[in-house]
N, C-alpha and C. Protein backbone atom coordinates (compact mmCIF):
# COMPACT_ATOMS: atom_id res chain seq x y z
N MET A 1 147.25 142.17 -12.98
CA MET A 1 147.58 140.82 -13.35
C MET A 1 147.33 140.61 -14.85
N ASP A 2 146.21 141.11 -15.32
CA ASP A 2 145.87 140.92 -16.73
C ASP A 2 146.87 141.62 -17.64
N LYS A 3 147.32 142.81 -17.23
CA LYS A 3 148.29 143.54 -18.04
C LYS A 3 149.63 142.81 -18.07
N ALA A 4 150.04 142.26 -16.94
CA ALA A 4 151.31 141.52 -16.87
C ALA A 4 151.23 140.27 -17.74
N LEU A 5 150.12 139.56 -17.68
CA LEU A 5 149.95 138.37 -18.49
C LEU A 5 149.93 138.72 -19.98
N ALA A 6 149.25 139.80 -20.33
CA ALA A 6 149.21 140.24 -21.73
C ALA A 6 150.61 140.63 -22.21
N SER A 7 151.38 141.30 -21.36
CA SER A 7 152.74 141.69 -21.71
C SER A 7 153.61 140.46 -21.96
N TYR A 8 153.49 139.47 -21.10
CA TYR A 8 154.25 138.24 -21.26
C TYR A 8 153.87 137.54 -22.56
N LEU A 9 152.57 137.47 -22.83
CA LEU A 9 152.12 136.75 -24.02
C LEU A 9 152.54 137.47 -25.31
N THR A 10 152.53 138.80 -25.31
CA THR A 10 153.00 139.52 -26.51
C THR A 10 154.50 139.32 -26.71
N LYS A 11 155.27 139.32 -25.63
CA LYS A 11 156.71 139.07 -25.77
C LYS A 11 156.97 137.63 -26.22
N LEU A 12 156.17 136.69 -25.73
CA LEU A 12 156.30 135.30 -26.14
C LEU A 12 155.94 135.15 -27.63
N GLN A 13 154.93 135.87 -28.06
CA GLN A 13 154.53 135.82 -29.47
C GLN A 13 155.65 136.37 -30.36
N ARG A 14 156.28 137.47 -29.94
CA ARG A 14 157.41 138.02 -30.68
C ARG A 14 158.56 137.02 -30.75
N PHE A 15 158.81 136.34 -29.63
CA PHE A 15 159.89 135.34 -29.58
C PHE A 15 159.61 134.20 -30.56
N GLU A 16 158.35 133.74 -30.60
CA GLU A 16 157.98 132.64 -31.49
C GLU A 16 158.07 133.04 -32.96
N MET A 17 157.92 134.33 -33.24
CA MET A 17 158.04 134.81 -34.63
C MET A 17 159.50 135.06 -34.98
N GLY A 18 160.41 134.84 -34.03
CA GLY A 18 161.83 135.01 -34.31
C GLY A 18 162.36 136.38 -33.98
N LYS A 19 161.59 137.18 -33.26
CA LYS A 19 162.04 138.53 -32.89
C LYS A 19 162.23 138.59 -31.39
N GLY A 20 163.44 138.82 -30.95
CA GLY A 20 163.69 139.00 -29.52
C GLY A 20 164.03 137.69 -28.82
N ILE A 21 164.19 137.80 -27.51
CA ILE A 21 164.54 136.65 -26.70
C ILE A 21 163.32 136.12 -25.95
N ARG A 22 163.45 134.90 -25.46
CA ARG A 22 162.34 134.29 -24.71
C ARG A 22 162.07 135.11 -23.45
N PRO A 23 160.82 135.49 -23.20
CA PRO A 23 160.51 136.32 -22.02
C PRO A 23 160.62 135.53 -20.73
N LYS A 24 161.00 136.22 -19.67
CA LYS A 24 161.07 135.62 -18.34
C LYS A 24 160.01 136.30 -17.47
N ALA A 25 159.47 135.52 -16.54
CA ALA A 25 158.37 136.02 -15.71
C ALA A 25 158.84 137.02 -14.66
N ALA A 26 160.05 136.84 -14.14
CA ALA A 26 160.53 137.68 -13.03
C ALA A 26 160.55 139.17 -13.37
N PRO A 27 161.18 139.59 -14.49
CA PRO A 27 161.19 141.04 -14.77
C PRO A 27 159.79 141.62 -15.02
N ILE A 28 158.95 140.83 -15.65
CA ILE A 28 157.59 141.31 -15.92
C ILE A 28 156.82 141.44 -14.61
N ALA A 29 157.02 140.49 -13.71
CA ALA A 29 156.35 140.55 -12.41
C ALA A 29 156.80 141.78 -11.63
N ARG A 30 158.11 142.06 -11.67
CA ARG A 30 158.61 143.26 -10.98
C ARG A 30 158.06 144.53 -11.62
N GLU A 31 157.98 144.53 -12.95
CA GLU A 31 157.49 145.71 -13.67
C GLU A 31 156.05 146.04 -13.27
N TYR A 32 155.22 145.01 -13.09
CA TYR A 32 153.81 145.22 -12.76
C TYR A 32 153.53 145.05 -11.26
N ASP A 33 154.57 144.86 -10.47
CA ASP A 33 154.47 144.78 -9.02
C ASP A 33 153.49 143.67 -8.56
N ILE A 34 153.73 142.48 -9.08
CA ILE A 34 152.96 141.33 -8.64
C ILE A 34 153.92 140.20 -8.28
N ASN A 35 153.42 139.18 -7.64
CA ASN A 35 154.23 138.04 -7.24
C ASN A 35 154.63 137.24 -8.48
N GLU A 36 155.91 136.86 -8.54
CA GLU A 36 156.41 136.12 -9.70
C GLU A 36 155.72 134.75 -9.83
N ARG A 37 155.55 134.07 -8.71
CA ARG A 37 154.91 132.74 -8.74
C ARG A 37 153.46 132.84 -9.23
N THR A 38 152.75 133.88 -8.83
CA THR A 38 151.38 134.07 -9.28
C THR A 38 151.35 134.25 -10.79
N LEU A 39 152.26 135.03 -11.32
CA LEU A 39 152.33 135.24 -12.77
C LEU A 39 152.65 133.93 -13.47
N GLN A 40 153.58 133.14 -12.94
CA GLN A 40 153.92 131.85 -13.55
C GLN A 40 152.71 130.92 -13.58
N ILE A 41 151.94 130.91 -12.50
CA ILE A 41 150.74 130.06 -12.46
C ILE A 41 149.75 130.50 -13.53
N HIS A 42 149.55 131.81 -13.69
CA HIS A 42 148.62 132.31 -14.70
C HIS A 42 149.14 132.09 -16.12
N ILE A 43 150.46 132.04 -16.28
CA ILE A 43 151.02 131.76 -17.60
C ILE A 43 150.76 130.30 -17.97
N LYS A 44 150.99 129.39 -17.02
CA LYS A 44 150.79 127.96 -17.29
C LYS A 44 149.32 127.61 -17.44
N CYS A 45 148.47 128.25 -16.64
CA CYS A 45 147.05 127.92 -16.66
C CYS A 45 146.25 129.22 -16.61
N PRO A 46 145.99 129.82 -17.76
CA PRO A 46 145.29 131.11 -17.76
C PRO A 46 143.85 131.04 -17.26
N ALA A 47 143.30 129.85 -17.13
CA ALA A 47 141.91 129.71 -16.68
C ALA A 47 141.79 129.72 -15.16
N VAL A 48 142.90 129.93 -14.44
CA VAL A 48 142.85 129.98 -12.98
C VAL A 48 142.00 131.16 -12.55
N LEU A 49 141.06 130.91 -11.67
CA LEU A 49 140.16 131.96 -11.20
C LEU A 49 140.79 132.75 -10.06
N LYS A 50 140.47 134.01 -10.02
CA LYS A 50 140.89 134.83 -8.89
C LYS A 50 140.07 134.45 -7.67
N ARG A 51 140.56 134.81 -6.50
CA ARG A 51 139.87 134.47 -5.26
C ARG A 51 138.45 135.05 -5.22
N SER A 52 138.31 136.28 -5.68
CA SER A 52 136.98 136.89 -5.67
C SER A 52 136.02 136.16 -6.61
N GLU A 53 136.53 135.69 -7.74
CA GLU A 53 135.68 134.95 -8.67
C GLU A 53 135.29 133.59 -8.08
N LYS A 54 136.22 132.95 -7.38
CA LYS A 54 135.90 131.67 -6.74
C LYS A 54 134.82 131.86 -5.68
N GLU A 55 134.93 132.95 -4.92
CA GLU A 55 133.94 133.21 -3.87
C GLU A 55 132.56 133.48 -4.48
N LYS A 56 132.52 134.16 -5.61
CA LYS A 56 131.24 134.41 -6.26
C LYS A 56 130.59 133.11 -6.72
N ARG A 57 131.39 132.17 -7.20
CA ARG A 57 130.84 130.89 -7.64
C ARG A 57 130.34 130.05 -6.47
N ARG A 58 130.98 130.19 -5.31
CA ARG A 58 130.56 129.43 -4.13
C ARG A 58 129.36 130.05 -3.45
N GLN A 59 129.02 131.25 -3.80
CA GLN A 59 127.95 131.97 -3.13
C GLN A 59 126.61 131.28 -3.38
N LEU A 60 125.94 130.90 -2.29
CA LEU A 60 124.69 130.16 -2.39
C LEU A 60 123.49 131.08 -2.57
N LEU A 61 123.46 132.16 -1.82
CA LEU A 61 122.36 133.12 -1.93
C LEU A 61 122.73 134.19 -2.95
N THR A 62 121.75 134.71 -3.62
CA THR A 62 122.03 135.80 -4.55
C THR A 62 122.33 137.07 -3.75
N VAL A 63 122.86 138.05 -4.43
CA VAL A 63 123.17 139.32 -3.77
C VAL A 63 121.91 139.95 -3.20
N ALA A 64 120.82 139.87 -3.96
CA ALA A 64 119.54 140.44 -3.49
C ALA A 64 119.06 139.72 -2.22
N GLU A 65 119.22 138.39 -2.20
CA GLU A 65 118.80 137.63 -1.02
C GLU A 65 119.66 137.95 0.19
N GLU A 66 120.96 138.09 -0.04
CA GLU A 66 121.84 138.47 1.07
C GLU A 66 121.51 139.86 1.59
N ASN A 67 121.20 140.78 0.70
CA ASN A 67 120.81 142.13 1.13
C ASN A 67 119.50 142.09 1.92
N GLN A 68 118.59 141.24 1.49
CA GLN A 68 117.33 141.08 2.21
C GLN A 68 117.58 140.51 3.61
N LEU A 69 118.48 139.55 3.69
CA LEU A 69 118.84 138.97 4.99
C LEU A 69 119.51 140.01 5.89
N ILE A 70 120.39 140.81 5.33
CA ILE A 70 121.06 141.86 6.11
C ILE A 70 120.05 142.88 6.61
N GLU A 71 119.09 143.25 5.75
CA GLU A 71 118.06 144.20 6.19
C GLU A 71 117.27 143.65 7.36
N ARG A 72 116.93 142.36 7.31
CA ARG A 72 116.19 141.74 8.41
C ARG A 72 117.03 141.73 9.69
N LEU A 73 118.32 141.45 9.55
CA LEU A 73 119.20 141.44 10.73
C LEU A 73 119.35 142.85 11.31
N GLU A 74 119.41 143.85 10.44
CA GLU A 74 119.48 145.24 10.92
C GLU A 74 118.19 145.65 11.62
N LEU A 75 117.05 145.17 11.10
CA LEU A 75 115.78 145.46 11.74
C LEU A 75 115.73 144.85 13.14
N LEU A 76 116.17 143.62 13.27
CA LEU A 76 116.23 143.00 14.59
C LEU A 76 117.16 143.77 15.52
N ASP A 77 118.28 144.23 14.98
CA ASP A 77 119.23 145.01 15.78
C ASP A 77 118.62 146.34 16.21
N ASP A 78 117.83 146.96 15.36
CA ASP A 78 117.16 148.21 15.73
C ASP A 78 116.18 148.00 16.88
N TRP A 79 115.62 146.82 16.97
CA TRP A 79 114.70 146.50 18.07
C TRP A 79 115.45 146.00 19.30
N ASN A 80 116.79 146.12 19.26
CA ASN A 80 117.66 145.66 20.35
C ASN A 80 117.53 144.16 20.60
N VAL A 81 117.36 143.42 19.51
CA VAL A 81 117.33 141.96 19.58
C VAL A 81 118.31 141.45 18.53
N PRO A 82 119.61 141.58 18.77
CA PRO A 82 120.56 141.14 17.76
C PRO A 82 120.46 139.63 17.55
N ALA A 83 120.60 139.22 16.31
CA ALA A 83 120.42 137.83 15.95
C ALA A 83 121.61 136.99 16.38
N ASP A 84 121.33 135.74 16.71
CA ASP A 84 122.41 134.81 16.99
C ASP A 84 122.60 133.91 15.77
N ARG A 85 123.52 132.99 15.87
CA ARG A 85 123.87 132.14 14.73
C ARG A 85 122.67 131.35 14.22
N ASP A 86 121.91 130.78 15.12
CA ASP A 86 120.77 129.96 14.71
C ASP A 86 119.72 130.78 13.95
N GLN A 87 119.47 131.99 14.40
CA GLN A 87 118.48 132.84 13.72
C GLN A 87 118.96 133.21 12.32
N VAL A 88 120.23 133.55 12.19
CA VAL A 88 120.77 133.92 10.88
C VAL A 88 120.68 132.73 9.93
N THR A 89 121.06 131.57 10.41
CA THR A 89 121.03 130.38 9.57
C THR A 89 119.61 130.02 9.18
N GLU A 90 118.68 130.13 10.11
CA GLU A 90 117.28 129.81 9.82
C GLU A 90 116.70 130.77 8.78
N LEU A 91 116.98 132.06 8.91
CA LEU A 91 116.49 133.02 7.92
C LEU A 91 117.08 132.74 6.54
N ALA A 92 118.37 132.43 6.50
CA ALA A 92 119.02 132.14 5.23
C ALA A 92 118.46 130.86 4.60
N LEU A 93 118.21 129.87 5.44
CA LEU A 93 117.64 128.62 4.92
C LEU A 93 116.27 128.85 4.30
N ARG A 94 115.47 129.69 4.92
CA ARG A 94 114.15 129.99 4.35
C ARG A 94 114.28 130.61 2.96
N LEU A 95 115.23 131.53 2.82
CA LEU A 95 115.44 132.15 1.51
C LEU A 95 115.98 131.13 0.51
N PHE A 96 116.92 130.33 0.95
CA PHE A 96 117.59 129.37 0.06
C PHE A 96 116.65 128.27 -0.41
N ARG A 97 115.79 127.82 0.48
CA ARG A 97 114.90 126.71 0.15
C ARG A 97 113.74 127.11 -0.76
N LYS A 98 113.53 128.42 -0.94
CA LYS A 98 112.47 128.87 -1.86
C LYS A 98 112.74 128.38 -3.27
N TRP A 99 114.00 128.40 -3.69
CA TRP A 99 114.31 128.03 -5.06
C TRP A 99 115.14 126.75 -5.17
N GLN A 100 115.63 126.21 -4.04
CA GLN A 100 116.41 124.97 -4.09
C GLN A 100 115.63 123.74 -3.66
N GLY A 101 114.51 123.93 -3.00
CA GLY A 101 113.73 122.80 -2.54
C GLY A 101 113.82 122.65 -1.02
N PRO A 102 112.90 121.85 -0.46
CA PRO A 102 112.79 121.77 1.00
C PRO A 102 113.94 121.04 1.69
N THR A 103 114.73 120.27 0.96
CA THR A 103 115.80 119.51 1.61
C THR A 103 117.17 120.14 1.44
N ALA A 104 117.25 121.29 0.80
CA ALA A 104 118.54 121.93 0.56
C ALA A 104 119.17 122.43 1.86
N SER A 105 120.49 122.38 1.90
CA SER A 105 121.20 122.89 3.08
C SER A 105 122.27 123.87 2.64
N LEU A 106 122.66 124.72 3.56
CA LEU A 106 123.61 125.78 3.23
C LEU A 106 125.06 125.32 3.28
N GLY A 107 125.35 124.33 4.04
CA GLY A 107 126.73 123.85 4.15
C GLY A 107 127.29 124.11 5.53
N LYS A 108 128.37 123.44 5.81
CA LYS A 108 128.95 123.44 7.14
C LYS A 108 129.48 124.81 7.57
N HIS A 109 130.14 125.51 6.67
CA HIS A 109 130.81 126.76 7.02
C HIS A 109 130.10 127.99 6.45
N TRP A 110 128.86 127.84 6.01
CA TRP A 110 128.17 128.97 5.39
C TRP A 110 128.08 130.15 6.33
N TYR A 111 127.71 129.93 7.56
CA TYR A 111 127.51 131.02 8.51
C TYR A 111 128.79 131.83 8.70
N TYR A 112 129.91 131.16 8.87
CA TYR A 112 131.17 131.86 9.09
C TYR A 112 131.60 132.64 7.85
N ASN A 113 131.40 132.06 6.68
CA ASN A 113 131.72 132.78 5.45
C ASN A 113 130.83 134.01 5.28
N PHE A 114 129.55 133.86 5.58
CA PHE A 114 128.62 134.99 5.47
C PHE A 114 129.02 136.09 6.44
N ARG A 115 129.33 135.71 7.67
CA ARG A 115 129.71 136.69 8.68
C ARG A 115 130.99 137.41 8.29
N ASN A 116 131.96 136.70 7.73
CA ASN A 116 133.20 137.34 7.32
C ASN A 116 133.02 138.26 6.13
N CYS A 117 132.09 137.92 5.24
CA CYS A 117 131.85 138.78 4.07
C CYS A 117 131.13 140.07 4.44
N HIS A 118 130.34 140.03 5.50
CA HIS A 118 129.51 141.18 5.86
C HIS A 118 129.81 141.68 7.27
N LYS A 119 131.09 141.75 7.61
CA LYS A 119 131.48 142.19 8.96
C LYS A 119 130.99 143.60 9.27
N ASP A 120 131.06 144.47 8.29
CA ASP A 120 130.75 145.87 8.53
C ASP A 120 129.26 146.15 8.63
N SER A 121 128.47 145.36 7.93
CA SER A 121 127.05 145.70 7.83
C SER A 121 126.15 145.00 8.84
N ILE A 122 126.64 143.97 9.53
CA ILE A 122 125.77 143.28 10.48
C ILE A 122 126.46 143.12 11.82
N ARG A 123 125.64 143.01 12.85
CA ARG A 123 126.14 142.74 14.20
C ARG A 123 125.43 141.49 14.69
N ILE A 124 126.20 140.46 14.96
CA ILE A 124 125.63 139.20 15.40
C ILE A 124 126.17 138.90 16.79
N VAL A 125 125.29 138.51 17.68
CA VAL A 125 125.66 138.21 19.05
C VAL A 125 125.78 136.70 19.20
N PHE A 126 126.83 136.29 19.86
CA PHE A 126 126.98 134.87 20.16
C PHE A 126 126.28 134.59 21.47
N CYS A 127 125.30 133.70 21.44
CA CYS A 127 124.58 133.33 22.64
C CYS A 127 125.25 132.10 23.25
N ALA A 128 125.66 132.23 24.47
CA ALA A 128 126.32 131.11 25.14
C ALA A 128 125.29 130.05 25.50
N ASN A 129 125.74 128.83 25.49
CA ASN A 129 124.86 127.73 25.89
C ASN A 129 124.56 127.82 27.37
N LYS A 130 123.43 127.25 27.76
CA LYS A 130 123.06 127.24 29.18
C LYS A 130 124.09 126.48 30.01
N GLU A 131 124.65 125.42 29.44
CA GLU A 131 125.64 124.65 30.18
C GLU A 131 126.86 125.51 30.50
N LYS A 132 127.27 126.32 29.55
CA LYS A 132 128.42 127.19 29.77
C LYS A 132 128.09 128.24 30.83
N GLU A 133 126.87 128.76 30.79
CA GLU A 133 126.45 129.73 31.80
C GLU A 133 126.46 129.10 33.19
N ARG A 134 125.98 127.87 33.27
CA ARG A 134 125.98 127.18 34.56
C ARG A 134 127.41 126.92 35.03
N TYR A 135 128.25 126.57 34.10
CA TYR A 135 129.65 126.27 34.44
C TYR A 135 130.35 127.52 34.96
N ASN A 136 130.07 128.66 34.37
CA ASN A 136 130.74 129.90 34.76
C ASN A 136 130.01 130.66 35.87
N ALA A 137 128.89 130.14 36.32
CA ALA A 137 128.11 130.84 37.35
C ALA A 137 128.89 130.89 38.66
N GLU A 138 128.70 131.97 39.38
CA GLU A 138 129.37 132.15 40.67
C GLU A 138 128.39 131.84 41.79
N ASP A 139 128.59 130.73 42.43
CA ASP A 139 127.79 130.36 43.58
C ASP A 139 128.75 130.33 44.77
N TRP A 140 128.61 131.31 45.65
CA TRP A 140 129.58 131.48 46.73
C TRP A 140 129.57 130.32 47.72
N GLU A 141 128.44 129.67 47.88
CA GLU A 141 128.40 128.52 48.79
C GLU A 141 129.27 127.38 48.26
N ILE A 142 129.17 127.13 46.97
CA ILE A 142 129.97 126.07 46.37
C ILE A 142 131.45 126.43 46.44
N ILE A 143 131.78 127.69 46.16
CA ILE A 143 133.18 128.11 46.20
C ILE A 143 133.73 127.98 47.62
N ASN A 144 132.95 128.42 48.61
CA ASN A 144 133.41 128.30 50.01
C ASN A 144 133.56 126.85 50.44
N ASP A 145 132.60 125.99 50.08
CA ASP A 145 132.71 124.57 50.40
C ASP A 145 133.96 123.96 49.79
N ASN A 146 134.23 124.31 48.56
CA ASN A 146 135.41 123.79 47.88
C ASN A 146 136.68 124.28 48.58
N PHE A 147 136.70 125.54 48.96
CA PHE A 147 137.87 126.11 49.65
C PHE A 147 138.10 125.39 50.98
N ILE A 148 137.03 125.13 51.72
CA ILE A 148 137.15 124.42 53.01
C ILE A 148 137.69 123.01 52.78
N LYS A 149 137.20 122.32 51.76
CA LYS A 149 137.68 120.97 51.46
C LYS A 149 139.16 120.98 51.11
N VAL A 150 139.59 121.98 50.36
CA VAL A 150 141.01 122.08 50.00
C VAL A 150 141.85 122.33 51.24
N GLU A 151 141.38 123.21 52.13
CA GLU A 151 142.11 123.47 53.39
C GLU A 151 142.20 122.21 54.24
N GLN A 152 141.11 121.47 54.34
CA GLN A 152 141.11 120.23 55.12
C GLN A 152 142.08 119.21 54.52
N ARG A 153 142.07 119.09 53.22
CA ARG A 153 142.97 118.14 52.57
C ARG A 153 144.43 118.53 52.80
N ASN A 154 144.72 119.84 52.68
CA ASN A 154 146.08 120.30 52.91
C ASN A 154 146.50 120.05 54.36
N TYR A 155 145.57 120.23 55.28
CA TYR A 155 145.86 120.00 56.70
C TYR A 155 146.16 118.51 56.93
N LEU A 156 145.36 117.63 56.33
CA LEU A 156 145.58 116.19 56.49
C LEU A 156 146.90 115.77 55.85
N VAL A 157 147.25 116.33 54.72
CA VAL A 157 148.52 116.04 54.07
C VAL A 157 149.67 116.48 54.96
N SER A 158 149.54 117.66 55.56
CA SER A 158 150.63 118.14 56.43
C SER A 158 150.76 117.27 57.67
N LEU A 159 149.64 116.73 58.22
CA LEU A 159 149.72 115.82 59.36
C LEU A 159 150.42 114.52 58.99
N ASN A 160 150.11 113.99 57.81
CA ASN A 160 150.75 112.76 57.35
C ASN A 160 152.23 112.98 57.09
N HIS A 161 152.59 114.18 56.71
CA HIS A 161 153.98 114.49 56.42
C HIS A 161 154.82 114.46 57.68
N PHE A 162 154.25 114.87 58.81
CA PHE A 162 155.02 114.91 60.07
C PHE A 162 155.03 113.56 60.76
N CYS A 163 154.14 112.66 60.41
CA CYS A 163 154.09 111.35 61.09
C CYS A 163 155.13 110.40 60.62
């Protein structure tokens, strides 16, 4: 991207000095195998940050702190106690609040962003809520009672249908 932008700017400079024609973004984009619209955006506003640079600015924990957090998560995993979301967030908050103060928070989507950035290095288990476990539990008495009620209802409907 930087080479394509530099090429465009040198051609534009030549054009302004009266040498050559006004440069177009499309041929330069094809020459450097980048998207034409991306090049146009960088021509109009060279201060546009790349996605990786934006992510670095949004990063709340330092790289050393994130590595420390990953080491702790790996240690828990070695003990066959993989961390869940709450544990990861609590550990990160402890690190973050050391230098931000006791009321600092990580943000709504911090956990998901952290997990996506470190997919390869950590294993996090999602712990289901107790309510979900109860909802999905198999109790054969309840299932049989429900089945009997459905059969009775269907039988009553069929009797009403013939009357």
